[in-house]
Amino acid sequence: MRDPHIIEGPGFRGRITGRLGDMLVIDAEVEADIAAHAADAEEFAIVVSGRFEVTMNGTTLPCGPGDHLVVGAGVKHAIRVIEPGRLVLIGRM
Protein backbone atom coordinates (compact mmCIF):
# COMPACT_ATOMS: atom_id res chain seq x y z
CA MET A 1 0.00 0.00 0.00
CA ARG A 2 1.30 3.45 -0.96
CA ASP A 3 1.97 5.94 1.85
CA PRO A 4 -0.09 9.09 1.06
CA HIS A 5 2.47 11.26 2.87
CA ILE A 6 5.29 10.34 0.45
CA ILE A 7 5.87 12.15 -2.86
CA GLU A 8 8.39 10.60 -5.23
CA GLY A 9 9.84 11.52 -8.58
CA PRO A 10 13.11 11.12 -10.45
CA GLY A 11 15.86 12.26 -8.05
CA PHE A 12 13.31 13.35 -5.41
CA ARG A 13 11.66 11.73 -2.40
CA GLY A 14 9.64 13.86 -0.02
CA ARG A 15 7.55 13.37 3.09
CA ILE A 16 4.64 15.72 3.74
CA THR A 17 5.20 17.03 7.26
CA GLY A 18 2.43 19.62 7.48
CA ARG A 19 0.34 22.29 5.80
CA LEU A 20 0.60 26.04 5.48
CA GLY A 21 -2.84 27.17 4.40
CA ASP A 22 -3.56 25.25 1.18
CA MET A 23 0.14 24.49 0.62
CA LEU A 24 2.09 21.41 1.69
CA VAL A 25 5.29 21.47 3.74
CA ILE A 26 7.60 18.74 2.43
CA ASP A 27 10.90 17.45 3.82
CA ALA A 28 12.60 16.30 0.62
CA GLU A 29 15.71 14.28 -0.15
CA VAL A 30 17.25 15.29 -3.49
CA GLU A 31 19.78 12.74 -4.71
CA ALA A 32 19.86 13.18 -8.50
CA ASP A 33 19.31 15.93 -11.05
CA ILE A 34 15.71 17.02 -11.58
CA ALA A 35 14.76 17.89 -15.15
CA ALA A 36 13.17 21.23 -16.04
CA HIS A 37 9.57 21.43 -14.86
CA ALA A 38 7.03 24.06 -13.78
CA ALA A 39 4.44 24.04 -11.01
CA ASP A 40 0.97 25.54 -11.23
CA ALA A 41 1.57 27.50 -8.00
CA GLU A 42 4.47 29.39 -6.48
CA GLU A 43 7.04 27.23 -4.63
CA PHE A 44 9.39 28.17 -1.81
CA ALA A 45 12.43 26.05 -0.90
CA ILE A 46 15.05 26.21 1.87
CA VAL A 47 18.24 24.17 1.46
CA VAL A 48 18.93 22.18 4.65
CA SER A 49 21.96 20.26 3.37
CA GLY A 50 23.75 19.48 0.14
CA ARG A 51 24.73 21.70 -2.78
CA PHE A 52 22.69 22.35 -5.90
CA GLU A 53 22.55 24.53 -8.98
CA VAL A 54 19.09 25.78 -9.87
CA THR A 55 18.45 27.06 -13.38
CA MET A 56 15.44 29.25 -14.12
CA ASN A 57 14.76 32.16 -16.45
CA GLY A 58 18.11 31.55 -18.17
CA THR A 59 20.09 32.03 -14.95
CA THR A 60 21.90 29.37 -12.92
CA LEU A 61 22.19 29.96 -9.18
CA PRO A 62 24.30 27.99 -6.68
CA CYS A 63 22.40 26.90 -3.57
CA GLY A 64 23.75 25.48 -0.31
CA PRO A 65 22.68 25.10 3.32
CA GLY A 66 20.67 28.09 4.51
CA ASP A 67 19.92 29.38 1.01
CA HIS A 68 16.34 29.77 -0.14
CA LEU A 69 14.57 30.41 -3.38
CA VAL A 70 11.14 31.31 -4.63
CA VAL A 71 9.95 29.90 -7.94
CA GLY A 72 6.96 31.64 -9.44
CA ALA A 73 3.93 29.77 -10.70
CA GLY A 74 4.53 28.43 -14.20
CA VAL A 75 8.29 29.17 -14.15
CA LYS A 76 10.36 26.32 -15.59
CA HIS A 77 13.25 25.36 -13.34
CA ALA A 78 15.77 22.52 -13.13
CA ILE A 79 18.04 21.28 -10.36
CA ARG A 80 21.56 19.95 -10.82
CA VAL A 81 22.87 18.06 -7.79
CA ILE A 82 26.45 18.89 -6.84
CA GLU A 83 26.14 17.12 -3.47
CA PRO A 84 22.94 15.22 -2.51
CA GLY A 85 20.98 16.81 0.31
CA ARG A 86 17.67 17.93 1.76
CA LEU A 87 15.24 20.75 1.08
CA VAL A 88 12.18 22.00 2.90
CA LEU A 89 9.71 22.69 0.10
CA ILE A 90 6.47 24.61 0.50
CA GLY A 91 4.04 24.44 -2.40
CA ARG A 92 1.01 22.76 -3.91
CA MET A 93 1.55 19.31 -5.37
PDB file of N, CA and C in Angstrom:
ATOM      1  N   MET A   1       0.842  -1.189   0.000  1.00  0.00           N
ATOM      2  CA  MET A   1       0.000   0.000   0.000  1.00  0.00           C
ATOM      3  C   MET A   1       0.886   1.250   0.000  1.00  0.00           C
ATOM      4  N   ARG A   2       0.555   2.199  -0.812  1.00  0.00           N
ATOM      5  CA  ARG A   2       1.304   3.448  -0.961  1.00  0.00           C
ATOM      6  C   ARG A   2       1.035   4.385   0.210  1.00  0.00           C
ATOM      7  N   ASP A   3       2.098   4.976   0.758  1.00  0.00           N
ATOM      8  CA  ASP A   3       1.974   5.937   1.853  1.00  0.00           C
ATOM      9  C   ASP A   3       1.545   7.284   1.265  1.00  0.00           C
ATOM     10  N   PRO A   4       0.390   7.832   1.641  1.00  0.00           N
ATOM     11  CA  PRO A   4      -0.091   9.086   1.065  1.00  0.00           C
ATOM     12  C   PRO A   4       0.746  10.306   1.469  1.00  0.00           C
ATOM     13  N   HIS A   5       1.630  10.147   2.433  1.00  0.00           N
ATOM     14  CA  HIS A   5       2.474  11.257   2.872  1.00  0.00           C
ATOM     15  C   HIS A   5       3.804  11.321   2.129  1.00  0.00           C
ATOM     16  N   ILE A   6       4.042  10.388   1.203  1.00  0.00           N
ATOM     17  CA  ILE A   6       5.290  10.337   0.446  1.00  0.00           C
ATOM     18  C   ILE A   6       5.033  10.803  -0.989  1.00  0.00           C
ATOM     19  N   ILE A   7       5.903  11.686  -1.473  1.00  0.00           N
ATOM     20  CA  ILE A   7       5.867  12.154  -2.861  1.00  0.00           C
ATOM     21  C   ILE A   7       7.200  11.770  -3.478  1.00  0.00           C
ATOM     22  N   GLU A   8       7.152  11.038  -4.598  1.00  0.00           N
ATOM     23  CA  GLU A   8       8.388  10.598  -5.230  1.00  0.00           C
ATOM     24  C   GLU A   8       8.411  10.971  -6.700  1.00  0.00           C
ATOM     25  N   GLY A   9       9.608  11.237  -7.177  1.00  0.00           N
ATOM     26  CA  GLY A   9       9.836  11.521  -8.583  1.00  0.00           C
ATOM     27  C   GLY A   9      11.300  11.249  -8.872  1.00  0.00           C
ATOM     28  N   PRO A  10      11.701  11.352 -10.120  1.00  0.00           N
ATOM     29  CA  PRO A  10      13.107  11.120 -10.446  1.00  0.00           C
ATOM     30  C   PRO A  10      14.019  12.056  -9.652  1.00  0.00           C
ATOM     31  N   GLY A  11      14.901  11.488  -8.845  1.00  0.00           N
ATOM     32  CA  GLY A  11      15.858  12.257  -8.053  1.00  0.00           C
ATOM     33  C   GLY A  11      15.299  12.867  -6.787  1.00  0.00           C
ATOM     34  N   PHE A  12      14.008  12.637  -6.491  1.00  0.00           N
ATOM     35  CA  PHE A  12      13.312  13.350  -5.415  1.00  0.00           C
ATOM     36  C   PHE A  12      12.455  12.382  -4.610  1.00  0.00           C
ATOM     37  N   ARG A  13      12.555  12.474  -3.275  1.00  0.00           N
ATOM     38  CA  ARG A  13      11.659  11.726  -2.396  1.00  0.00           C
ATOM     39  C   ARG A  13      11.326  12.632  -1.224  1.00  0.00           C
ATOM     40  N   GLY A  14      10.050  12.947  -1.075  1.00  0.00           N
ATOM     41  CA  GLY A  14       9.637  13.864  -0.021  1.00  0.00           C
ATOM     42  C   GLY A  14       8.575  13.277   0.877  1.00  0.00           C
ATOM     43  N   ARG A  15       8.578  13.748   2.106  1.00  0.00           N
ATOM     44  CA  ARG A  15       7.552  13.375   3.086  1.00  0.00           C
ATOM     45  C   ARG A  15       6.797  14.638   3.472  1.00  0.00           C
ATOM     46  N   ILE A  16       5.480  14.595   3.338  1.00  0.00           N
ATOM     47  CA  ILE A  16       4.639  15.718   3.743  1.00  0.00           C
ATOM     48  C   ILE A  16       4.648  15.769   5.265  1.00  0.00           C
ATOM     49  N   THR A  17       5.103  16.906   5.806  1.00  0.00           N
ATOM     50  CA  THR A  17       5.201  17.031   7.261  1.00  0.00           C
ATOM     51  C   THR A  17       4.158  17.974   7.844  1.00  0.00           C
ATOM     52  N   GLY A  18       3.450  18.706   6.981  1.00  0.00           N
ATOM     53  CA  GLY A  18       2.430  19.617   7.478  1.00  0.00           C
ATOM     54  C   GLY A  18       1.812  20.427   6.356  1.00  0.00           C
ATOM     55  N   ARG A  19       1.020  21.407   6.753  1.00  0.00           N
ATOM     56  CA  ARG A  19       0.345  22.293   5.796  1.00  0.00           C
ATOM     57  C   ARG A  19       0.531  23.732   6.239  1.00  0.00           C
ATOM     58  N   LEU A  20       0.567  24.602   5.245  1.00  0.00           N
ATOM     59  CA  LEU A  20       0.600  26.037   5.482  1.00  0.00           C
ATOM     60  C   LEU A  20      -0.503  26.599   4.601  1.00  0.00           C
ATOM     61  N   GLY A  21      -1.670  26.808   5.187  1.00  0.00           N
ATOM     62  CA  GLY A  21      -2.839  27.171   4.396  1.00  0.00           C
ATOM     63  C   GLY A  21      -3.167  26.024   3.455  1.00  0.00           C
ATOM     64  N   ASP A  22      -3.247  26.308   2.148  1.00  0.00           N
ATOM     65  CA  ASP A  22      -3.557  25.247   1.182  1.00  0.00           C
ATOM     66  C   ASP A  22      -2.285  24.669   0.559  1.00  0.00           C
ATOM     67  N   MET A  23      -1.130  25.000   1.142  1.00  0.00           N
ATOM     68  CA  MET A  23       0.135  24.493   0.616  1.00  0.00           C
ATOM     69  C   MET A  23       0.682  23.394   1.526  1.00  0.00           C
ATOM     70  N   LEU A  24       1.469  22.500   0.930  1.00  0.00           N
ATOM     71  CA  LEU A  24       2.091  21.412   1.685  1.00  0.00           C
ATOM     72  C   LEU A  24       3.496  21.804   2.109  1.00  0.00           C
ATOM     73  N   VAL A  25       3.912  21.339   3.274  1.00  0.00           N
ATOM     74  CA  VAL A  25       5.285  21.474   3.735  1.00  0.00           C
ATOM     75  C   VAL A  25       5.914  20.090   3.578  1.00  0.00           C
ATOM     76  N   ILE A  26       7.007  20.025   2.797  1.00  0.00           N
ATOM     77  CA  ILE A  26       7.600  18.742   2.427  1.00  0.00           C
ATOM     78  C   ILE A  26       9.072  18.727   2.808  1.00  0.00           C
ATOM     79  N   ASP A  27       9.489  17.705   3.524  1.00  0.00           N
ATOM     80  CA  ASP A  27      10.900  17.455   3.822  1.00  0.00           C
ATOM     81  C   ASP A  27      11.384  16.529   2.717  1.00  0.00           C
ATOM     82  N   ALA A  28      12.248  17.035   1.834  1.00  0.00           N
ATOM     83  CA  ALA A  28      12.604  16.302   0.622  1.00  0.00           C
ATOM     84  C   ALA A  28      14.080  15.952   0.557  1.00  0.00           C
ATOM     85  N   GLU A  29      14.356  14.724   0.153  1.00  0.00           N
ATOM     86  CA  GLU A  29      15.710  14.285  -0.153  1.00  0.00           C
ATOM     87  C   GLU A  29      15.889  14.437  -1.660  1.00  0.00           C
ATOM     88  N   VAL A  30      16.963  15.114  -2.064  1.00  0.00           N
ATOM     89  CA  VAL A  30      17.248  15.285  -3.486  1.00  0.00           C
ATOM     90  C   VAL A  30      18.598  14.625  -3.737  1.00  0.00           C
ATOM     91  N   GLU A  31      18.575  13.530  -4.514  1.00  0.00           N
ATOM     92  CA  GLU A  31      19.785  12.738  -4.715  1.00  0.00           C
ATOM     93  C   GLU A  31      20.279  12.727  -6.152  1.00  0.00           C
ATOM     94  N   ALA A  32      19.464  13.166  -7.090  1.00  0.00           N
ATOM     95  CA  ALA A  32      19.862  13.176  -8.500  1.00  0.00           C
ATOM     96  C   ALA A  32      19.238  14.394  -9.168  1.00  0.00           C
ATOM     97  N   ASP A  33      19.801  14.770 -10.311  1.00  0.00           N
ATOM     98  CA  ASP A  33      19.311  15.930 -11.050  1.00  0.00           C
ATOM     99  C   ASP A  33      17.806  15.813 -11.309  1.00  0.00           C
ATOM    100  N   ILE A  34      17.144  16.953 -11.298  1.00  0.00           N
ATOM    101  CA  ILE A  34      15.713  17.018 -11.584  1.00  0.00           C
ATOM    102  C   ILE A  34      15.541  17.853 -12.850  1.00  0.00           C
ATOM    103  N   ALA A  35      14.940  17.236 -13.848  1.00  0.00           N
ATOM    104  CA  ALA A  35      14.758  17.890 -15.152  1.00  0.00           C
ATOM    105  C   ALA A  35      13.867  19.125 -15.028  1.00  0.00           C
ATOM    106  N   ALA A  36      13.965  19.998 -16.012  1.00  0.00           N
ATOM    107  CA  ALA A  36      13.166  21.226 -16.037  1.00  0.00           C
ATOM    108  C   ALA A  36      11.677  20.885 -15.930  1.00  0.00           C
ATOM    109  N   HIS A  37      11.011  21.620 -15.078  1.00  0.00           N
ATOM    110  CA  HIS A  37       9.572  21.433 -14.860  1.00  0.00           C
ATOM    111  C   HIS A  37       9.006  22.744 -14.325  1.00  0.00           C
ATOM    112  N   ALA A  38       7.700  22.874 -14.317  1.00  0.00           N
ATOM    113  CA  ALA A  38       7.032  24.058 -13.780  1.00  0.00           C
ATOM    114  C   ALA A  38       5.844  23.611 -12.945  1.00  0.00           C
ATOM    115  N   ALA A  39       5.587  24.331 -11.875  1.00  0.00           N
ATOM    116  CA  ALA A  39       4.436  24.038 -11.014  1.00  0.00           C
ATOM    117  C   ALA A  39       3.331  25.049 -11.300  1.00  0.00           C
ATOM    118  N   ASP A  40       2.110  24.660 -11.016  1.00  0.00           N
ATOM    119  CA  ASP A  40       0.966  25.544 -11.227  1.00  0.00           C
ATOM    120  C   ASP A  40       0.912  26.679 -10.208  1.00  0.00           C
ATOM    121  N   ALA A  41       1.584  26.494  -9.069  1.00  0.00           N
ATOM    122  CA  ALA A  41       1.566  27.499  -8.004  1.00  0.00           C
ATOM    123  C   ALA A  41       2.999  27.846  -7.608  1.00  0.00           C
ATOM    124  N   GLU A  42       3.158  28.977  -6.961  1.00  0.00           N
ATOM    125  CA  GLU A  42       4.472  29.388  -6.480  1.00  0.00           C
ATOM    126  C   GLU A  42       5.028  28.343  -5.514  1.00  0.00           C
ATOM    127  N   GLU A  43       6.356  28.156  -5.542  1.00  0.00           N
ATOM    128  CA  GLU A  43       7.037  27.234  -4.629  1.00  0.00           C
ATOM    129  C   GLU A  43       8.117  27.997  -3.877  1.00  0.00           C
ATOM    130  N   PHE A  44       8.344  27.596  -2.638  1.00  0.00           N
ATOM    131  CA  PHE A  44       9.389  28.172  -1.805  1.00  0.00           C
ATOM    132  C   PHE A  44      10.224  27.013  -1.282  1.00  0.00           C
ATOM    133  N   ALA A  45      11.554  27.128  -1.369  1.00  0.00           N
ATOM    134  CA  ALA A  45      12.428  26.051  -0.895  1.00  0.00           C
ATOM    135  C   ALA A  45      13.547  26.618  -0.043  1.00  0.00           C
ATOM    136  N   ILE A  46      13.902  25.896   1.013  1.00  0.00           N
ATOM    137  CA  ILE A  46      15.045  26.210   1.866  1.00  0.00           C
ATOM    138  C   ILE A  46      15.980  25.008   1.811  1.00  0.00           C
ATOM    139  N   VAL A  47      17.258  25.253   1.514  1.00  0.00           N
ATOM    140  CA  VAL A  47      18.239  24.173   1.464  1.00  0.00           C
ATOM    141  C   VAL A  47      18.687  23.875   2.898  1.00  0.00           C
ATOM    142  N   VAL A  48      18.506  22.622   3.314  1.00  0.00           N
ATOM    143  CA  VAL A  48      18.927  22.181   4.646  1.00  0.00           C
ATOM    144  C   VAL A  48      20.350  21.634   4.580  1.00  0.00           C
ATOM    145  N   SER A  49      20.620  20.828   3.556  1.00  0.00           N
ATOM    146  CA  SER A  49      21.958  20.265   3.374  1.00  0.00           C
ATOM    147  C   SER A  49      22.174  19.981   1.894  1.00  0.00           C
ATOM    148  N   GLY A  50      23.418  19.764   1.521  1.00  0.00           N
ATOM    149  CA  GLY A  50      23.749  19.476   0.140  1.00  0.00           C
ATOM    150  C   GLY A  50      24.078  20.748  -0.630  1.00  0.00           C
ATOM    151  N   ARG A  51      24.436  20.560  -1.903  1.00  0.00           N
ATOM    152  CA  ARG A  51      24.734  21.695  -2.776  1.00  0.00           C
ATOM    153  C   ARG A  51      24.090  21.436  -4.125  1.00  0.00           C
ATOM    154  N   PHE A  52      23.453  22.459  -4.660  1.00  0.00           N
ATOM    155  CA  PHE A  52      22.690  22.346  -5.897  1.00  0.00           C
ATOM    156  C   PHE A  52      22.945  23.553  -6.786  1.00  0.00           C
ATOM    157  N   GLU A  53      22.645  23.415  -8.064  1.00  0.00           N
ATOM    158  CA  GLU A  53      22.549  24.534  -8.975  1.00  0.00           C
ATOM    159  C   GLU A  53      21.133  24.532  -9.512  1.00  0.00           C
ATOM    160  N   VAL A  54      20.460  25.658  -9.391  1.00  0.00           N
ATOM    161  CA  VAL A  54      19.090  25.785  -9.871  1.00  0.00           C
ATOM    162  C   VAL A  54      19.111  26.718 -11.080  1.00  0.00           C
ATOM    163  N   THR A  55      18.528  26.250 -12.177  1.00  0.00           N
ATOM    164  CA  THR A  55      18.447  27.064 -13.383  1.00  0.00           C
ATOM    165  C   THR A  55      16.998  27.440 -13.632  1.00  0.00           C
ATOM    166  N   MET A  56      16.765  28.758 -13.767  1.00  0.00           N
ATOM    167  CA  MET A  56      15.436  29.252 -14.122  1.00  0.00           C
ATOM    168  C   MET A  56      15.598  30.613 -14.784  1.00  0.00           C
ATOM    169  N   ASN A  57      14.728  30.895 -15.717  1.00  0.00           N
ATOM    170  CA  ASN A  57      14.756  32.162 -16.445  1.00  0.00           C
ATOM    171  C   ASN A  57      16.130  32.441 -17.058  1.00  0.00           C
ATOM    172  N   GLY A  58      16.820  31.384 -17.519  1.00  0.00           N
ATOM    173  CA  GLY A  58      18.110  31.552 -18.167  1.00  0.00           C
ATOM    174  C   GLY A  58      19.277  31.826 -17.238  1.00  0.00           C
ATOM    175  N   THR A  59      19.040  31.764 -15.937  1.00  0.00           N
ATOM    176  CA  THR A  59      20.085  32.027 -14.947  1.00  0.00           C
ATOM    177  C   THR A  59      20.294  30.790 -14.083  1.00  0.00           C
ATOM    178  N   THR A  60      21.570  30.486 -13.796  1.00  0.00           N
ATOM    179  CA  THR A  60      21.902  29.372 -12.915  1.00  0.00           C
ATOM    180  C   THR A  60      22.432  29.929 -11.603  1.00  0.00           C
ATOM    181  N   LEU A  61      21.825  29.490 -10.506  1.00  0.00           N
ATOM    182  CA  LEU A  61      22.189  29.962  -9.176  1.00  0.00           C
ATOM    183  C   LEU A  61      22.724  28.818  -8.328  1.00  0.00           C
ATOM    184  N   PRO A  62      23.844  29.017  -7.621  1.00  0.00           N
ATOM    185  CA  PRO A  62      24.301  27.994  -6.684  1.00  0.00           C
ATOM    186  C   PRO A  62      23.467  28.082  -5.407  1.00  0.00           C
ATOM    187  N   CYS A  63      23.171  26.938  -4.810  1.00  0.00           N
ATOM    188  CA  CYS A  63      22.399  26.896  -3.568  1.00  0.00           C
ATOM    189  C   CYS A  63      23.057  25.912  -2.603  1.00  0.00           C
ATOM    190  N   GLY A  64      23.194  26.332  -1.346  1.00  0.00           N
ATOM    191  CA  GLY A  64      23.751  25.480  -0.307  1.00  0.00           C
ATOM    192  C   GLY A  64      22.973  25.677   0.978  1.00  0.00           C
ATOM    193  N   PRO A  65      23.404  25.019   2.049  1.00  0.00           N
ATOM    194  CA  PRO A  65      22.684  25.103   3.317  1.00  0.00           C
ATOM    195  C   PRO A  65      22.382  26.539   3.739  1.00  0.00           C
ATOM    196  N   GLY A  66      21.112  26.777   4.080  1.00  0.00           N
ATOM    197  CA  GLY A  66      20.666  28.091   4.506  1.00  0.00           C
ATOM    198  C   GLY A  66      20.133  28.958   3.386  1.00  0.00           C
ATOM    199  N   ASP A  67      20.439  28.607   2.142  1.00  0.00           N
ATOM    200  CA  ASP A  67      19.919  29.383   1.014  1.00  0.00           C
ATOM    201  C   ASP A  67      18.443  29.059   0.798  1.00  0.00           C
ATOM    202  N   HIS A  68      17.745  29.991   0.193  1.00  0.00           N
ATOM    203  CA  HIS A  68      16.339  29.767  -0.143  1.00  0.00           C
ATOM    204  C   HIS A  68      16.071  30.320  -1.530  1.00  0.00           C
ATOM    205  N   LEU A  69      14.981  29.849  -2.103  1.00  0.00           N
ATOM    206  CA  LEU A  69      14.569  30.409  -3.379  1.00  0.00           C
ATOM    207  C   LEU A  69      13.068  30.323  -3.524  1.00  0.00           C
ATOM    208  N   VAL A  70      12.555  31.259  -4.311  1.00  0.00           N
ATOM    209  CA  VAL A  70      11.137  31.305  -4.628  1.00  0.00           C
ATOM    210  C   VAL A  70      11.023  31.109  -6.133  1.00  0.00           C
ATOM    211  N   VAL A  71      10.185  30.169  -6.532  1.00  0.00           N
ATOM    212  CA  VAL A  71       9.950  29.897  -7.944  1.00  0.00           C
ATOM    213  C   VAL A  71       8.501  30.263  -8.227  1.00  0.00           C
ATOM    214  N   GLY A  72       8.310  31.194  -9.116  1.00  0.00           N
ATOM    215  CA  GLY A  72       6.962  31.642  -9.440  1.00  0.00           C
ATOM    216  C   GLY A  72       6.134  30.579 -10.132  1.00  0.00           C
ATOM    217  N   ALA A  73       4.846  30.697 -10.034  1.00  0.00           N
ATOM    218  CA  ALA A  73       3.928  29.769 -10.704  1.00  0.00           C
ATOM    219  C   ALA A  73       4.218  29.764 -12.196  1.00  0.00           C
ATOM    220  N   GLY A  74       4.317  28.579 -12.770  1.00  0.00           N
ATOM    221  CA  GLY A  74       4.527  28.431 -14.195  1.00  0.00           C
ATOM    222  C   GLY A  74       5.953  28.646 -14.677  1.00  0.00           C
ATOM    223  N   VAL A  75       6.892  28.938 -13.763  1.00  0.00           N
ATOM    224  CA  VAL A  75       8.290  29.174 -14.150  1.00  0.00           C
ATOM    225  C   VAL A  75       9.025  27.838 -14.230  1.00  0.00           C
ATOM    226  N   LYS A  76       9.582  27.549 -15.419  1.00  0.00           N
ATOM    227  CA  LYS A  76      10.359  26.324 -15.586  1.00  0.00           C
ATOM    228  C   LYS A  76      11.667  26.453 -14.811  1.00  0.00           C
ATOM    229  N   HIS A  77      12.011  25.386 -14.093  1.00  0.00           N
ATOM    230  CA  HIS A  77      13.248  25.358 -13.338  1.00  0.00           C
ATOM    231  C   HIS A  77      13.779  23.929 -13.283  1.00  0.00           C
ATOM    232  N   ALA A  78      15.100  23.812 -13.193  1.00  0.00           N
ATOM    233  CA  ALA A  78      15.766  22.516 -13.135  1.00  0.00           C
ATOM    234  C   ALA A  78      16.788  22.551 -12.012  1.00  0.00           C
ATOM    235  N   ILE A  79      17.064  21.378 -11.441  1.00  0.00           N
ATOM    236  CA  ILE A  79      18.043  21.282 -10.356  1.00  0.00           C
ATOM    237  C   ILE A  79      19.153  20.330 -10.760  1.00  0.00           C
ATOM    238  N   ARG A  80      20.380  20.798 -10.627  1.00  0.00           N
ATOM    239  CA  ARG A  80      21.557  19.952 -10.825  1.00  0.00           C
ATOM    240  C   ARG A  80      22.152  19.695  -9.441  1.00  0.00           C
ATOM    241  N   VAL A  81      22.335  18.428  -9.105  1.00  0.00           N
ATOM    242  CA  VAL A  81      22.867  18.059  -7.794  1.00  0.00           C
ATOM    243  C   VAL A  81      24.390  18.052  -7.846  1.00  0.00           C
ATOM    244  N   ILE A  82      25.000  18.886  -7.022  1.00  0.00           N
ATOM    245  CA  ILE A  82      26.448  18.892  -6.842  1.00  0.00           C
ATOM    246  C   ILE A  82      26.791  17.928  -5.702  1.00  0.00           C
ATOM    247  N   GLU A  83      26.006  18.011  -4.630  1.00  0.00           N
ATOM    248  CA  GLU A  83      26.139  17.125  -3.471  1.00  0.00           C
ATOM    249  C   GLU A  83      24.720  16.825  -2.983  1.00  0.00           C
ATOM    250  N   PRO A  84      24.303  15.544  -2.942  1.00  0.00           N
ATOM    251  CA  PRO A  84      22.935  15.217  -2.507  1.00  0.00           C
ATOM    252  C   PRO A  84      22.623  15.858  -1.152  1.00  0.00           C
ATOM    253  N   GLY A  85      21.353  16.184  -0.950  1.00  0.00           N
ATOM    254  CA  GLY A  85      20.980  16.813   0.308  1.00  0.00           C
ATOM    255  C   GLY A  85      19.481  16.874   0.507  1.00  0.00           C
ATOM    256  N   ARG A  86      19.079  17.787   1.395  1.00  0.00           N
ATOM    257  CA  ARG A  86      17.673  17.927   1.765  1.00  0.00           C
ATOM    258  C   ARG A  86      17.198  19.359   1.561  1.00  0.00           C
ATOM    259  N   LEU A  87      15.928  19.473   1.216  1.00  0.00           N
ATOM    260  CA  LEU A  87      15.237  20.754   1.082  1.00  0.00           C
ATOM    261  C   LEU A  87      13.962  20.707   1.909  1.00  0.00           C
ATOM    262  N   VAL A  88      13.544  21.837   2.400  1.00  0.00           N
ATOM    263  CA  VAL A  88      12.183  21.996   2.896  1.00  0.00           C
ATOM    264  C   VAL A  88      11.478  22.751   1.787  1.00  0.00           C
ATOM    265  N   LEU A  89      10.451  22.142   1.242  1.00  0.00           N
ATOM    266  CA  LEU A  89       9.714  22.691   0.099  1.00  0.00           C
ATOM    267  C   LEU A  89       8.296  23.018   0.549  1.00  0.00           C
ATOM    268  N   ILE A  90       7.845  24.208   0.203  1.00  0.00           N
ATOM    269  CA  ILE A  90       6.471  24.608   0.497  1.00  0.00           C
ATOM    270  C   ILE A  90       5.807  24.938  -0.830  1.00  0.00           C
ATOM    271  N   GLY A  91       4.734  24.223  -1.142  1.00  0.00           N
ATOM    272  CA  GLY A  91       4.041  24.438  -2.397  1.00  0.00           C
ATOM    273  C   GLY A  91       2.835  23.528  -2.516  1.00  0.00           C
ATOM    274  N   ARG A  92       2.149  23.642  -3.626  1.00  0.00           N
ATOM    275  CA  ARG A  92       1.011  22.762  -3.913  1.00  0.00           C
ATOM    276  C   ARG A  92       1.504  21.652  -4.833  1.00  0.00           C
ATOM    277  N   MET A  93       1.117  20.451  -4.558  1.00  0.00           N
ATOM    278  CA  MET A  93       1.554  19.312  -5.367  1.00  0.00           C
ATOM    279  C   MET A  93       0.356  18.650  -6.008  1.00  0.00           C
TER     280      MET A  93
END
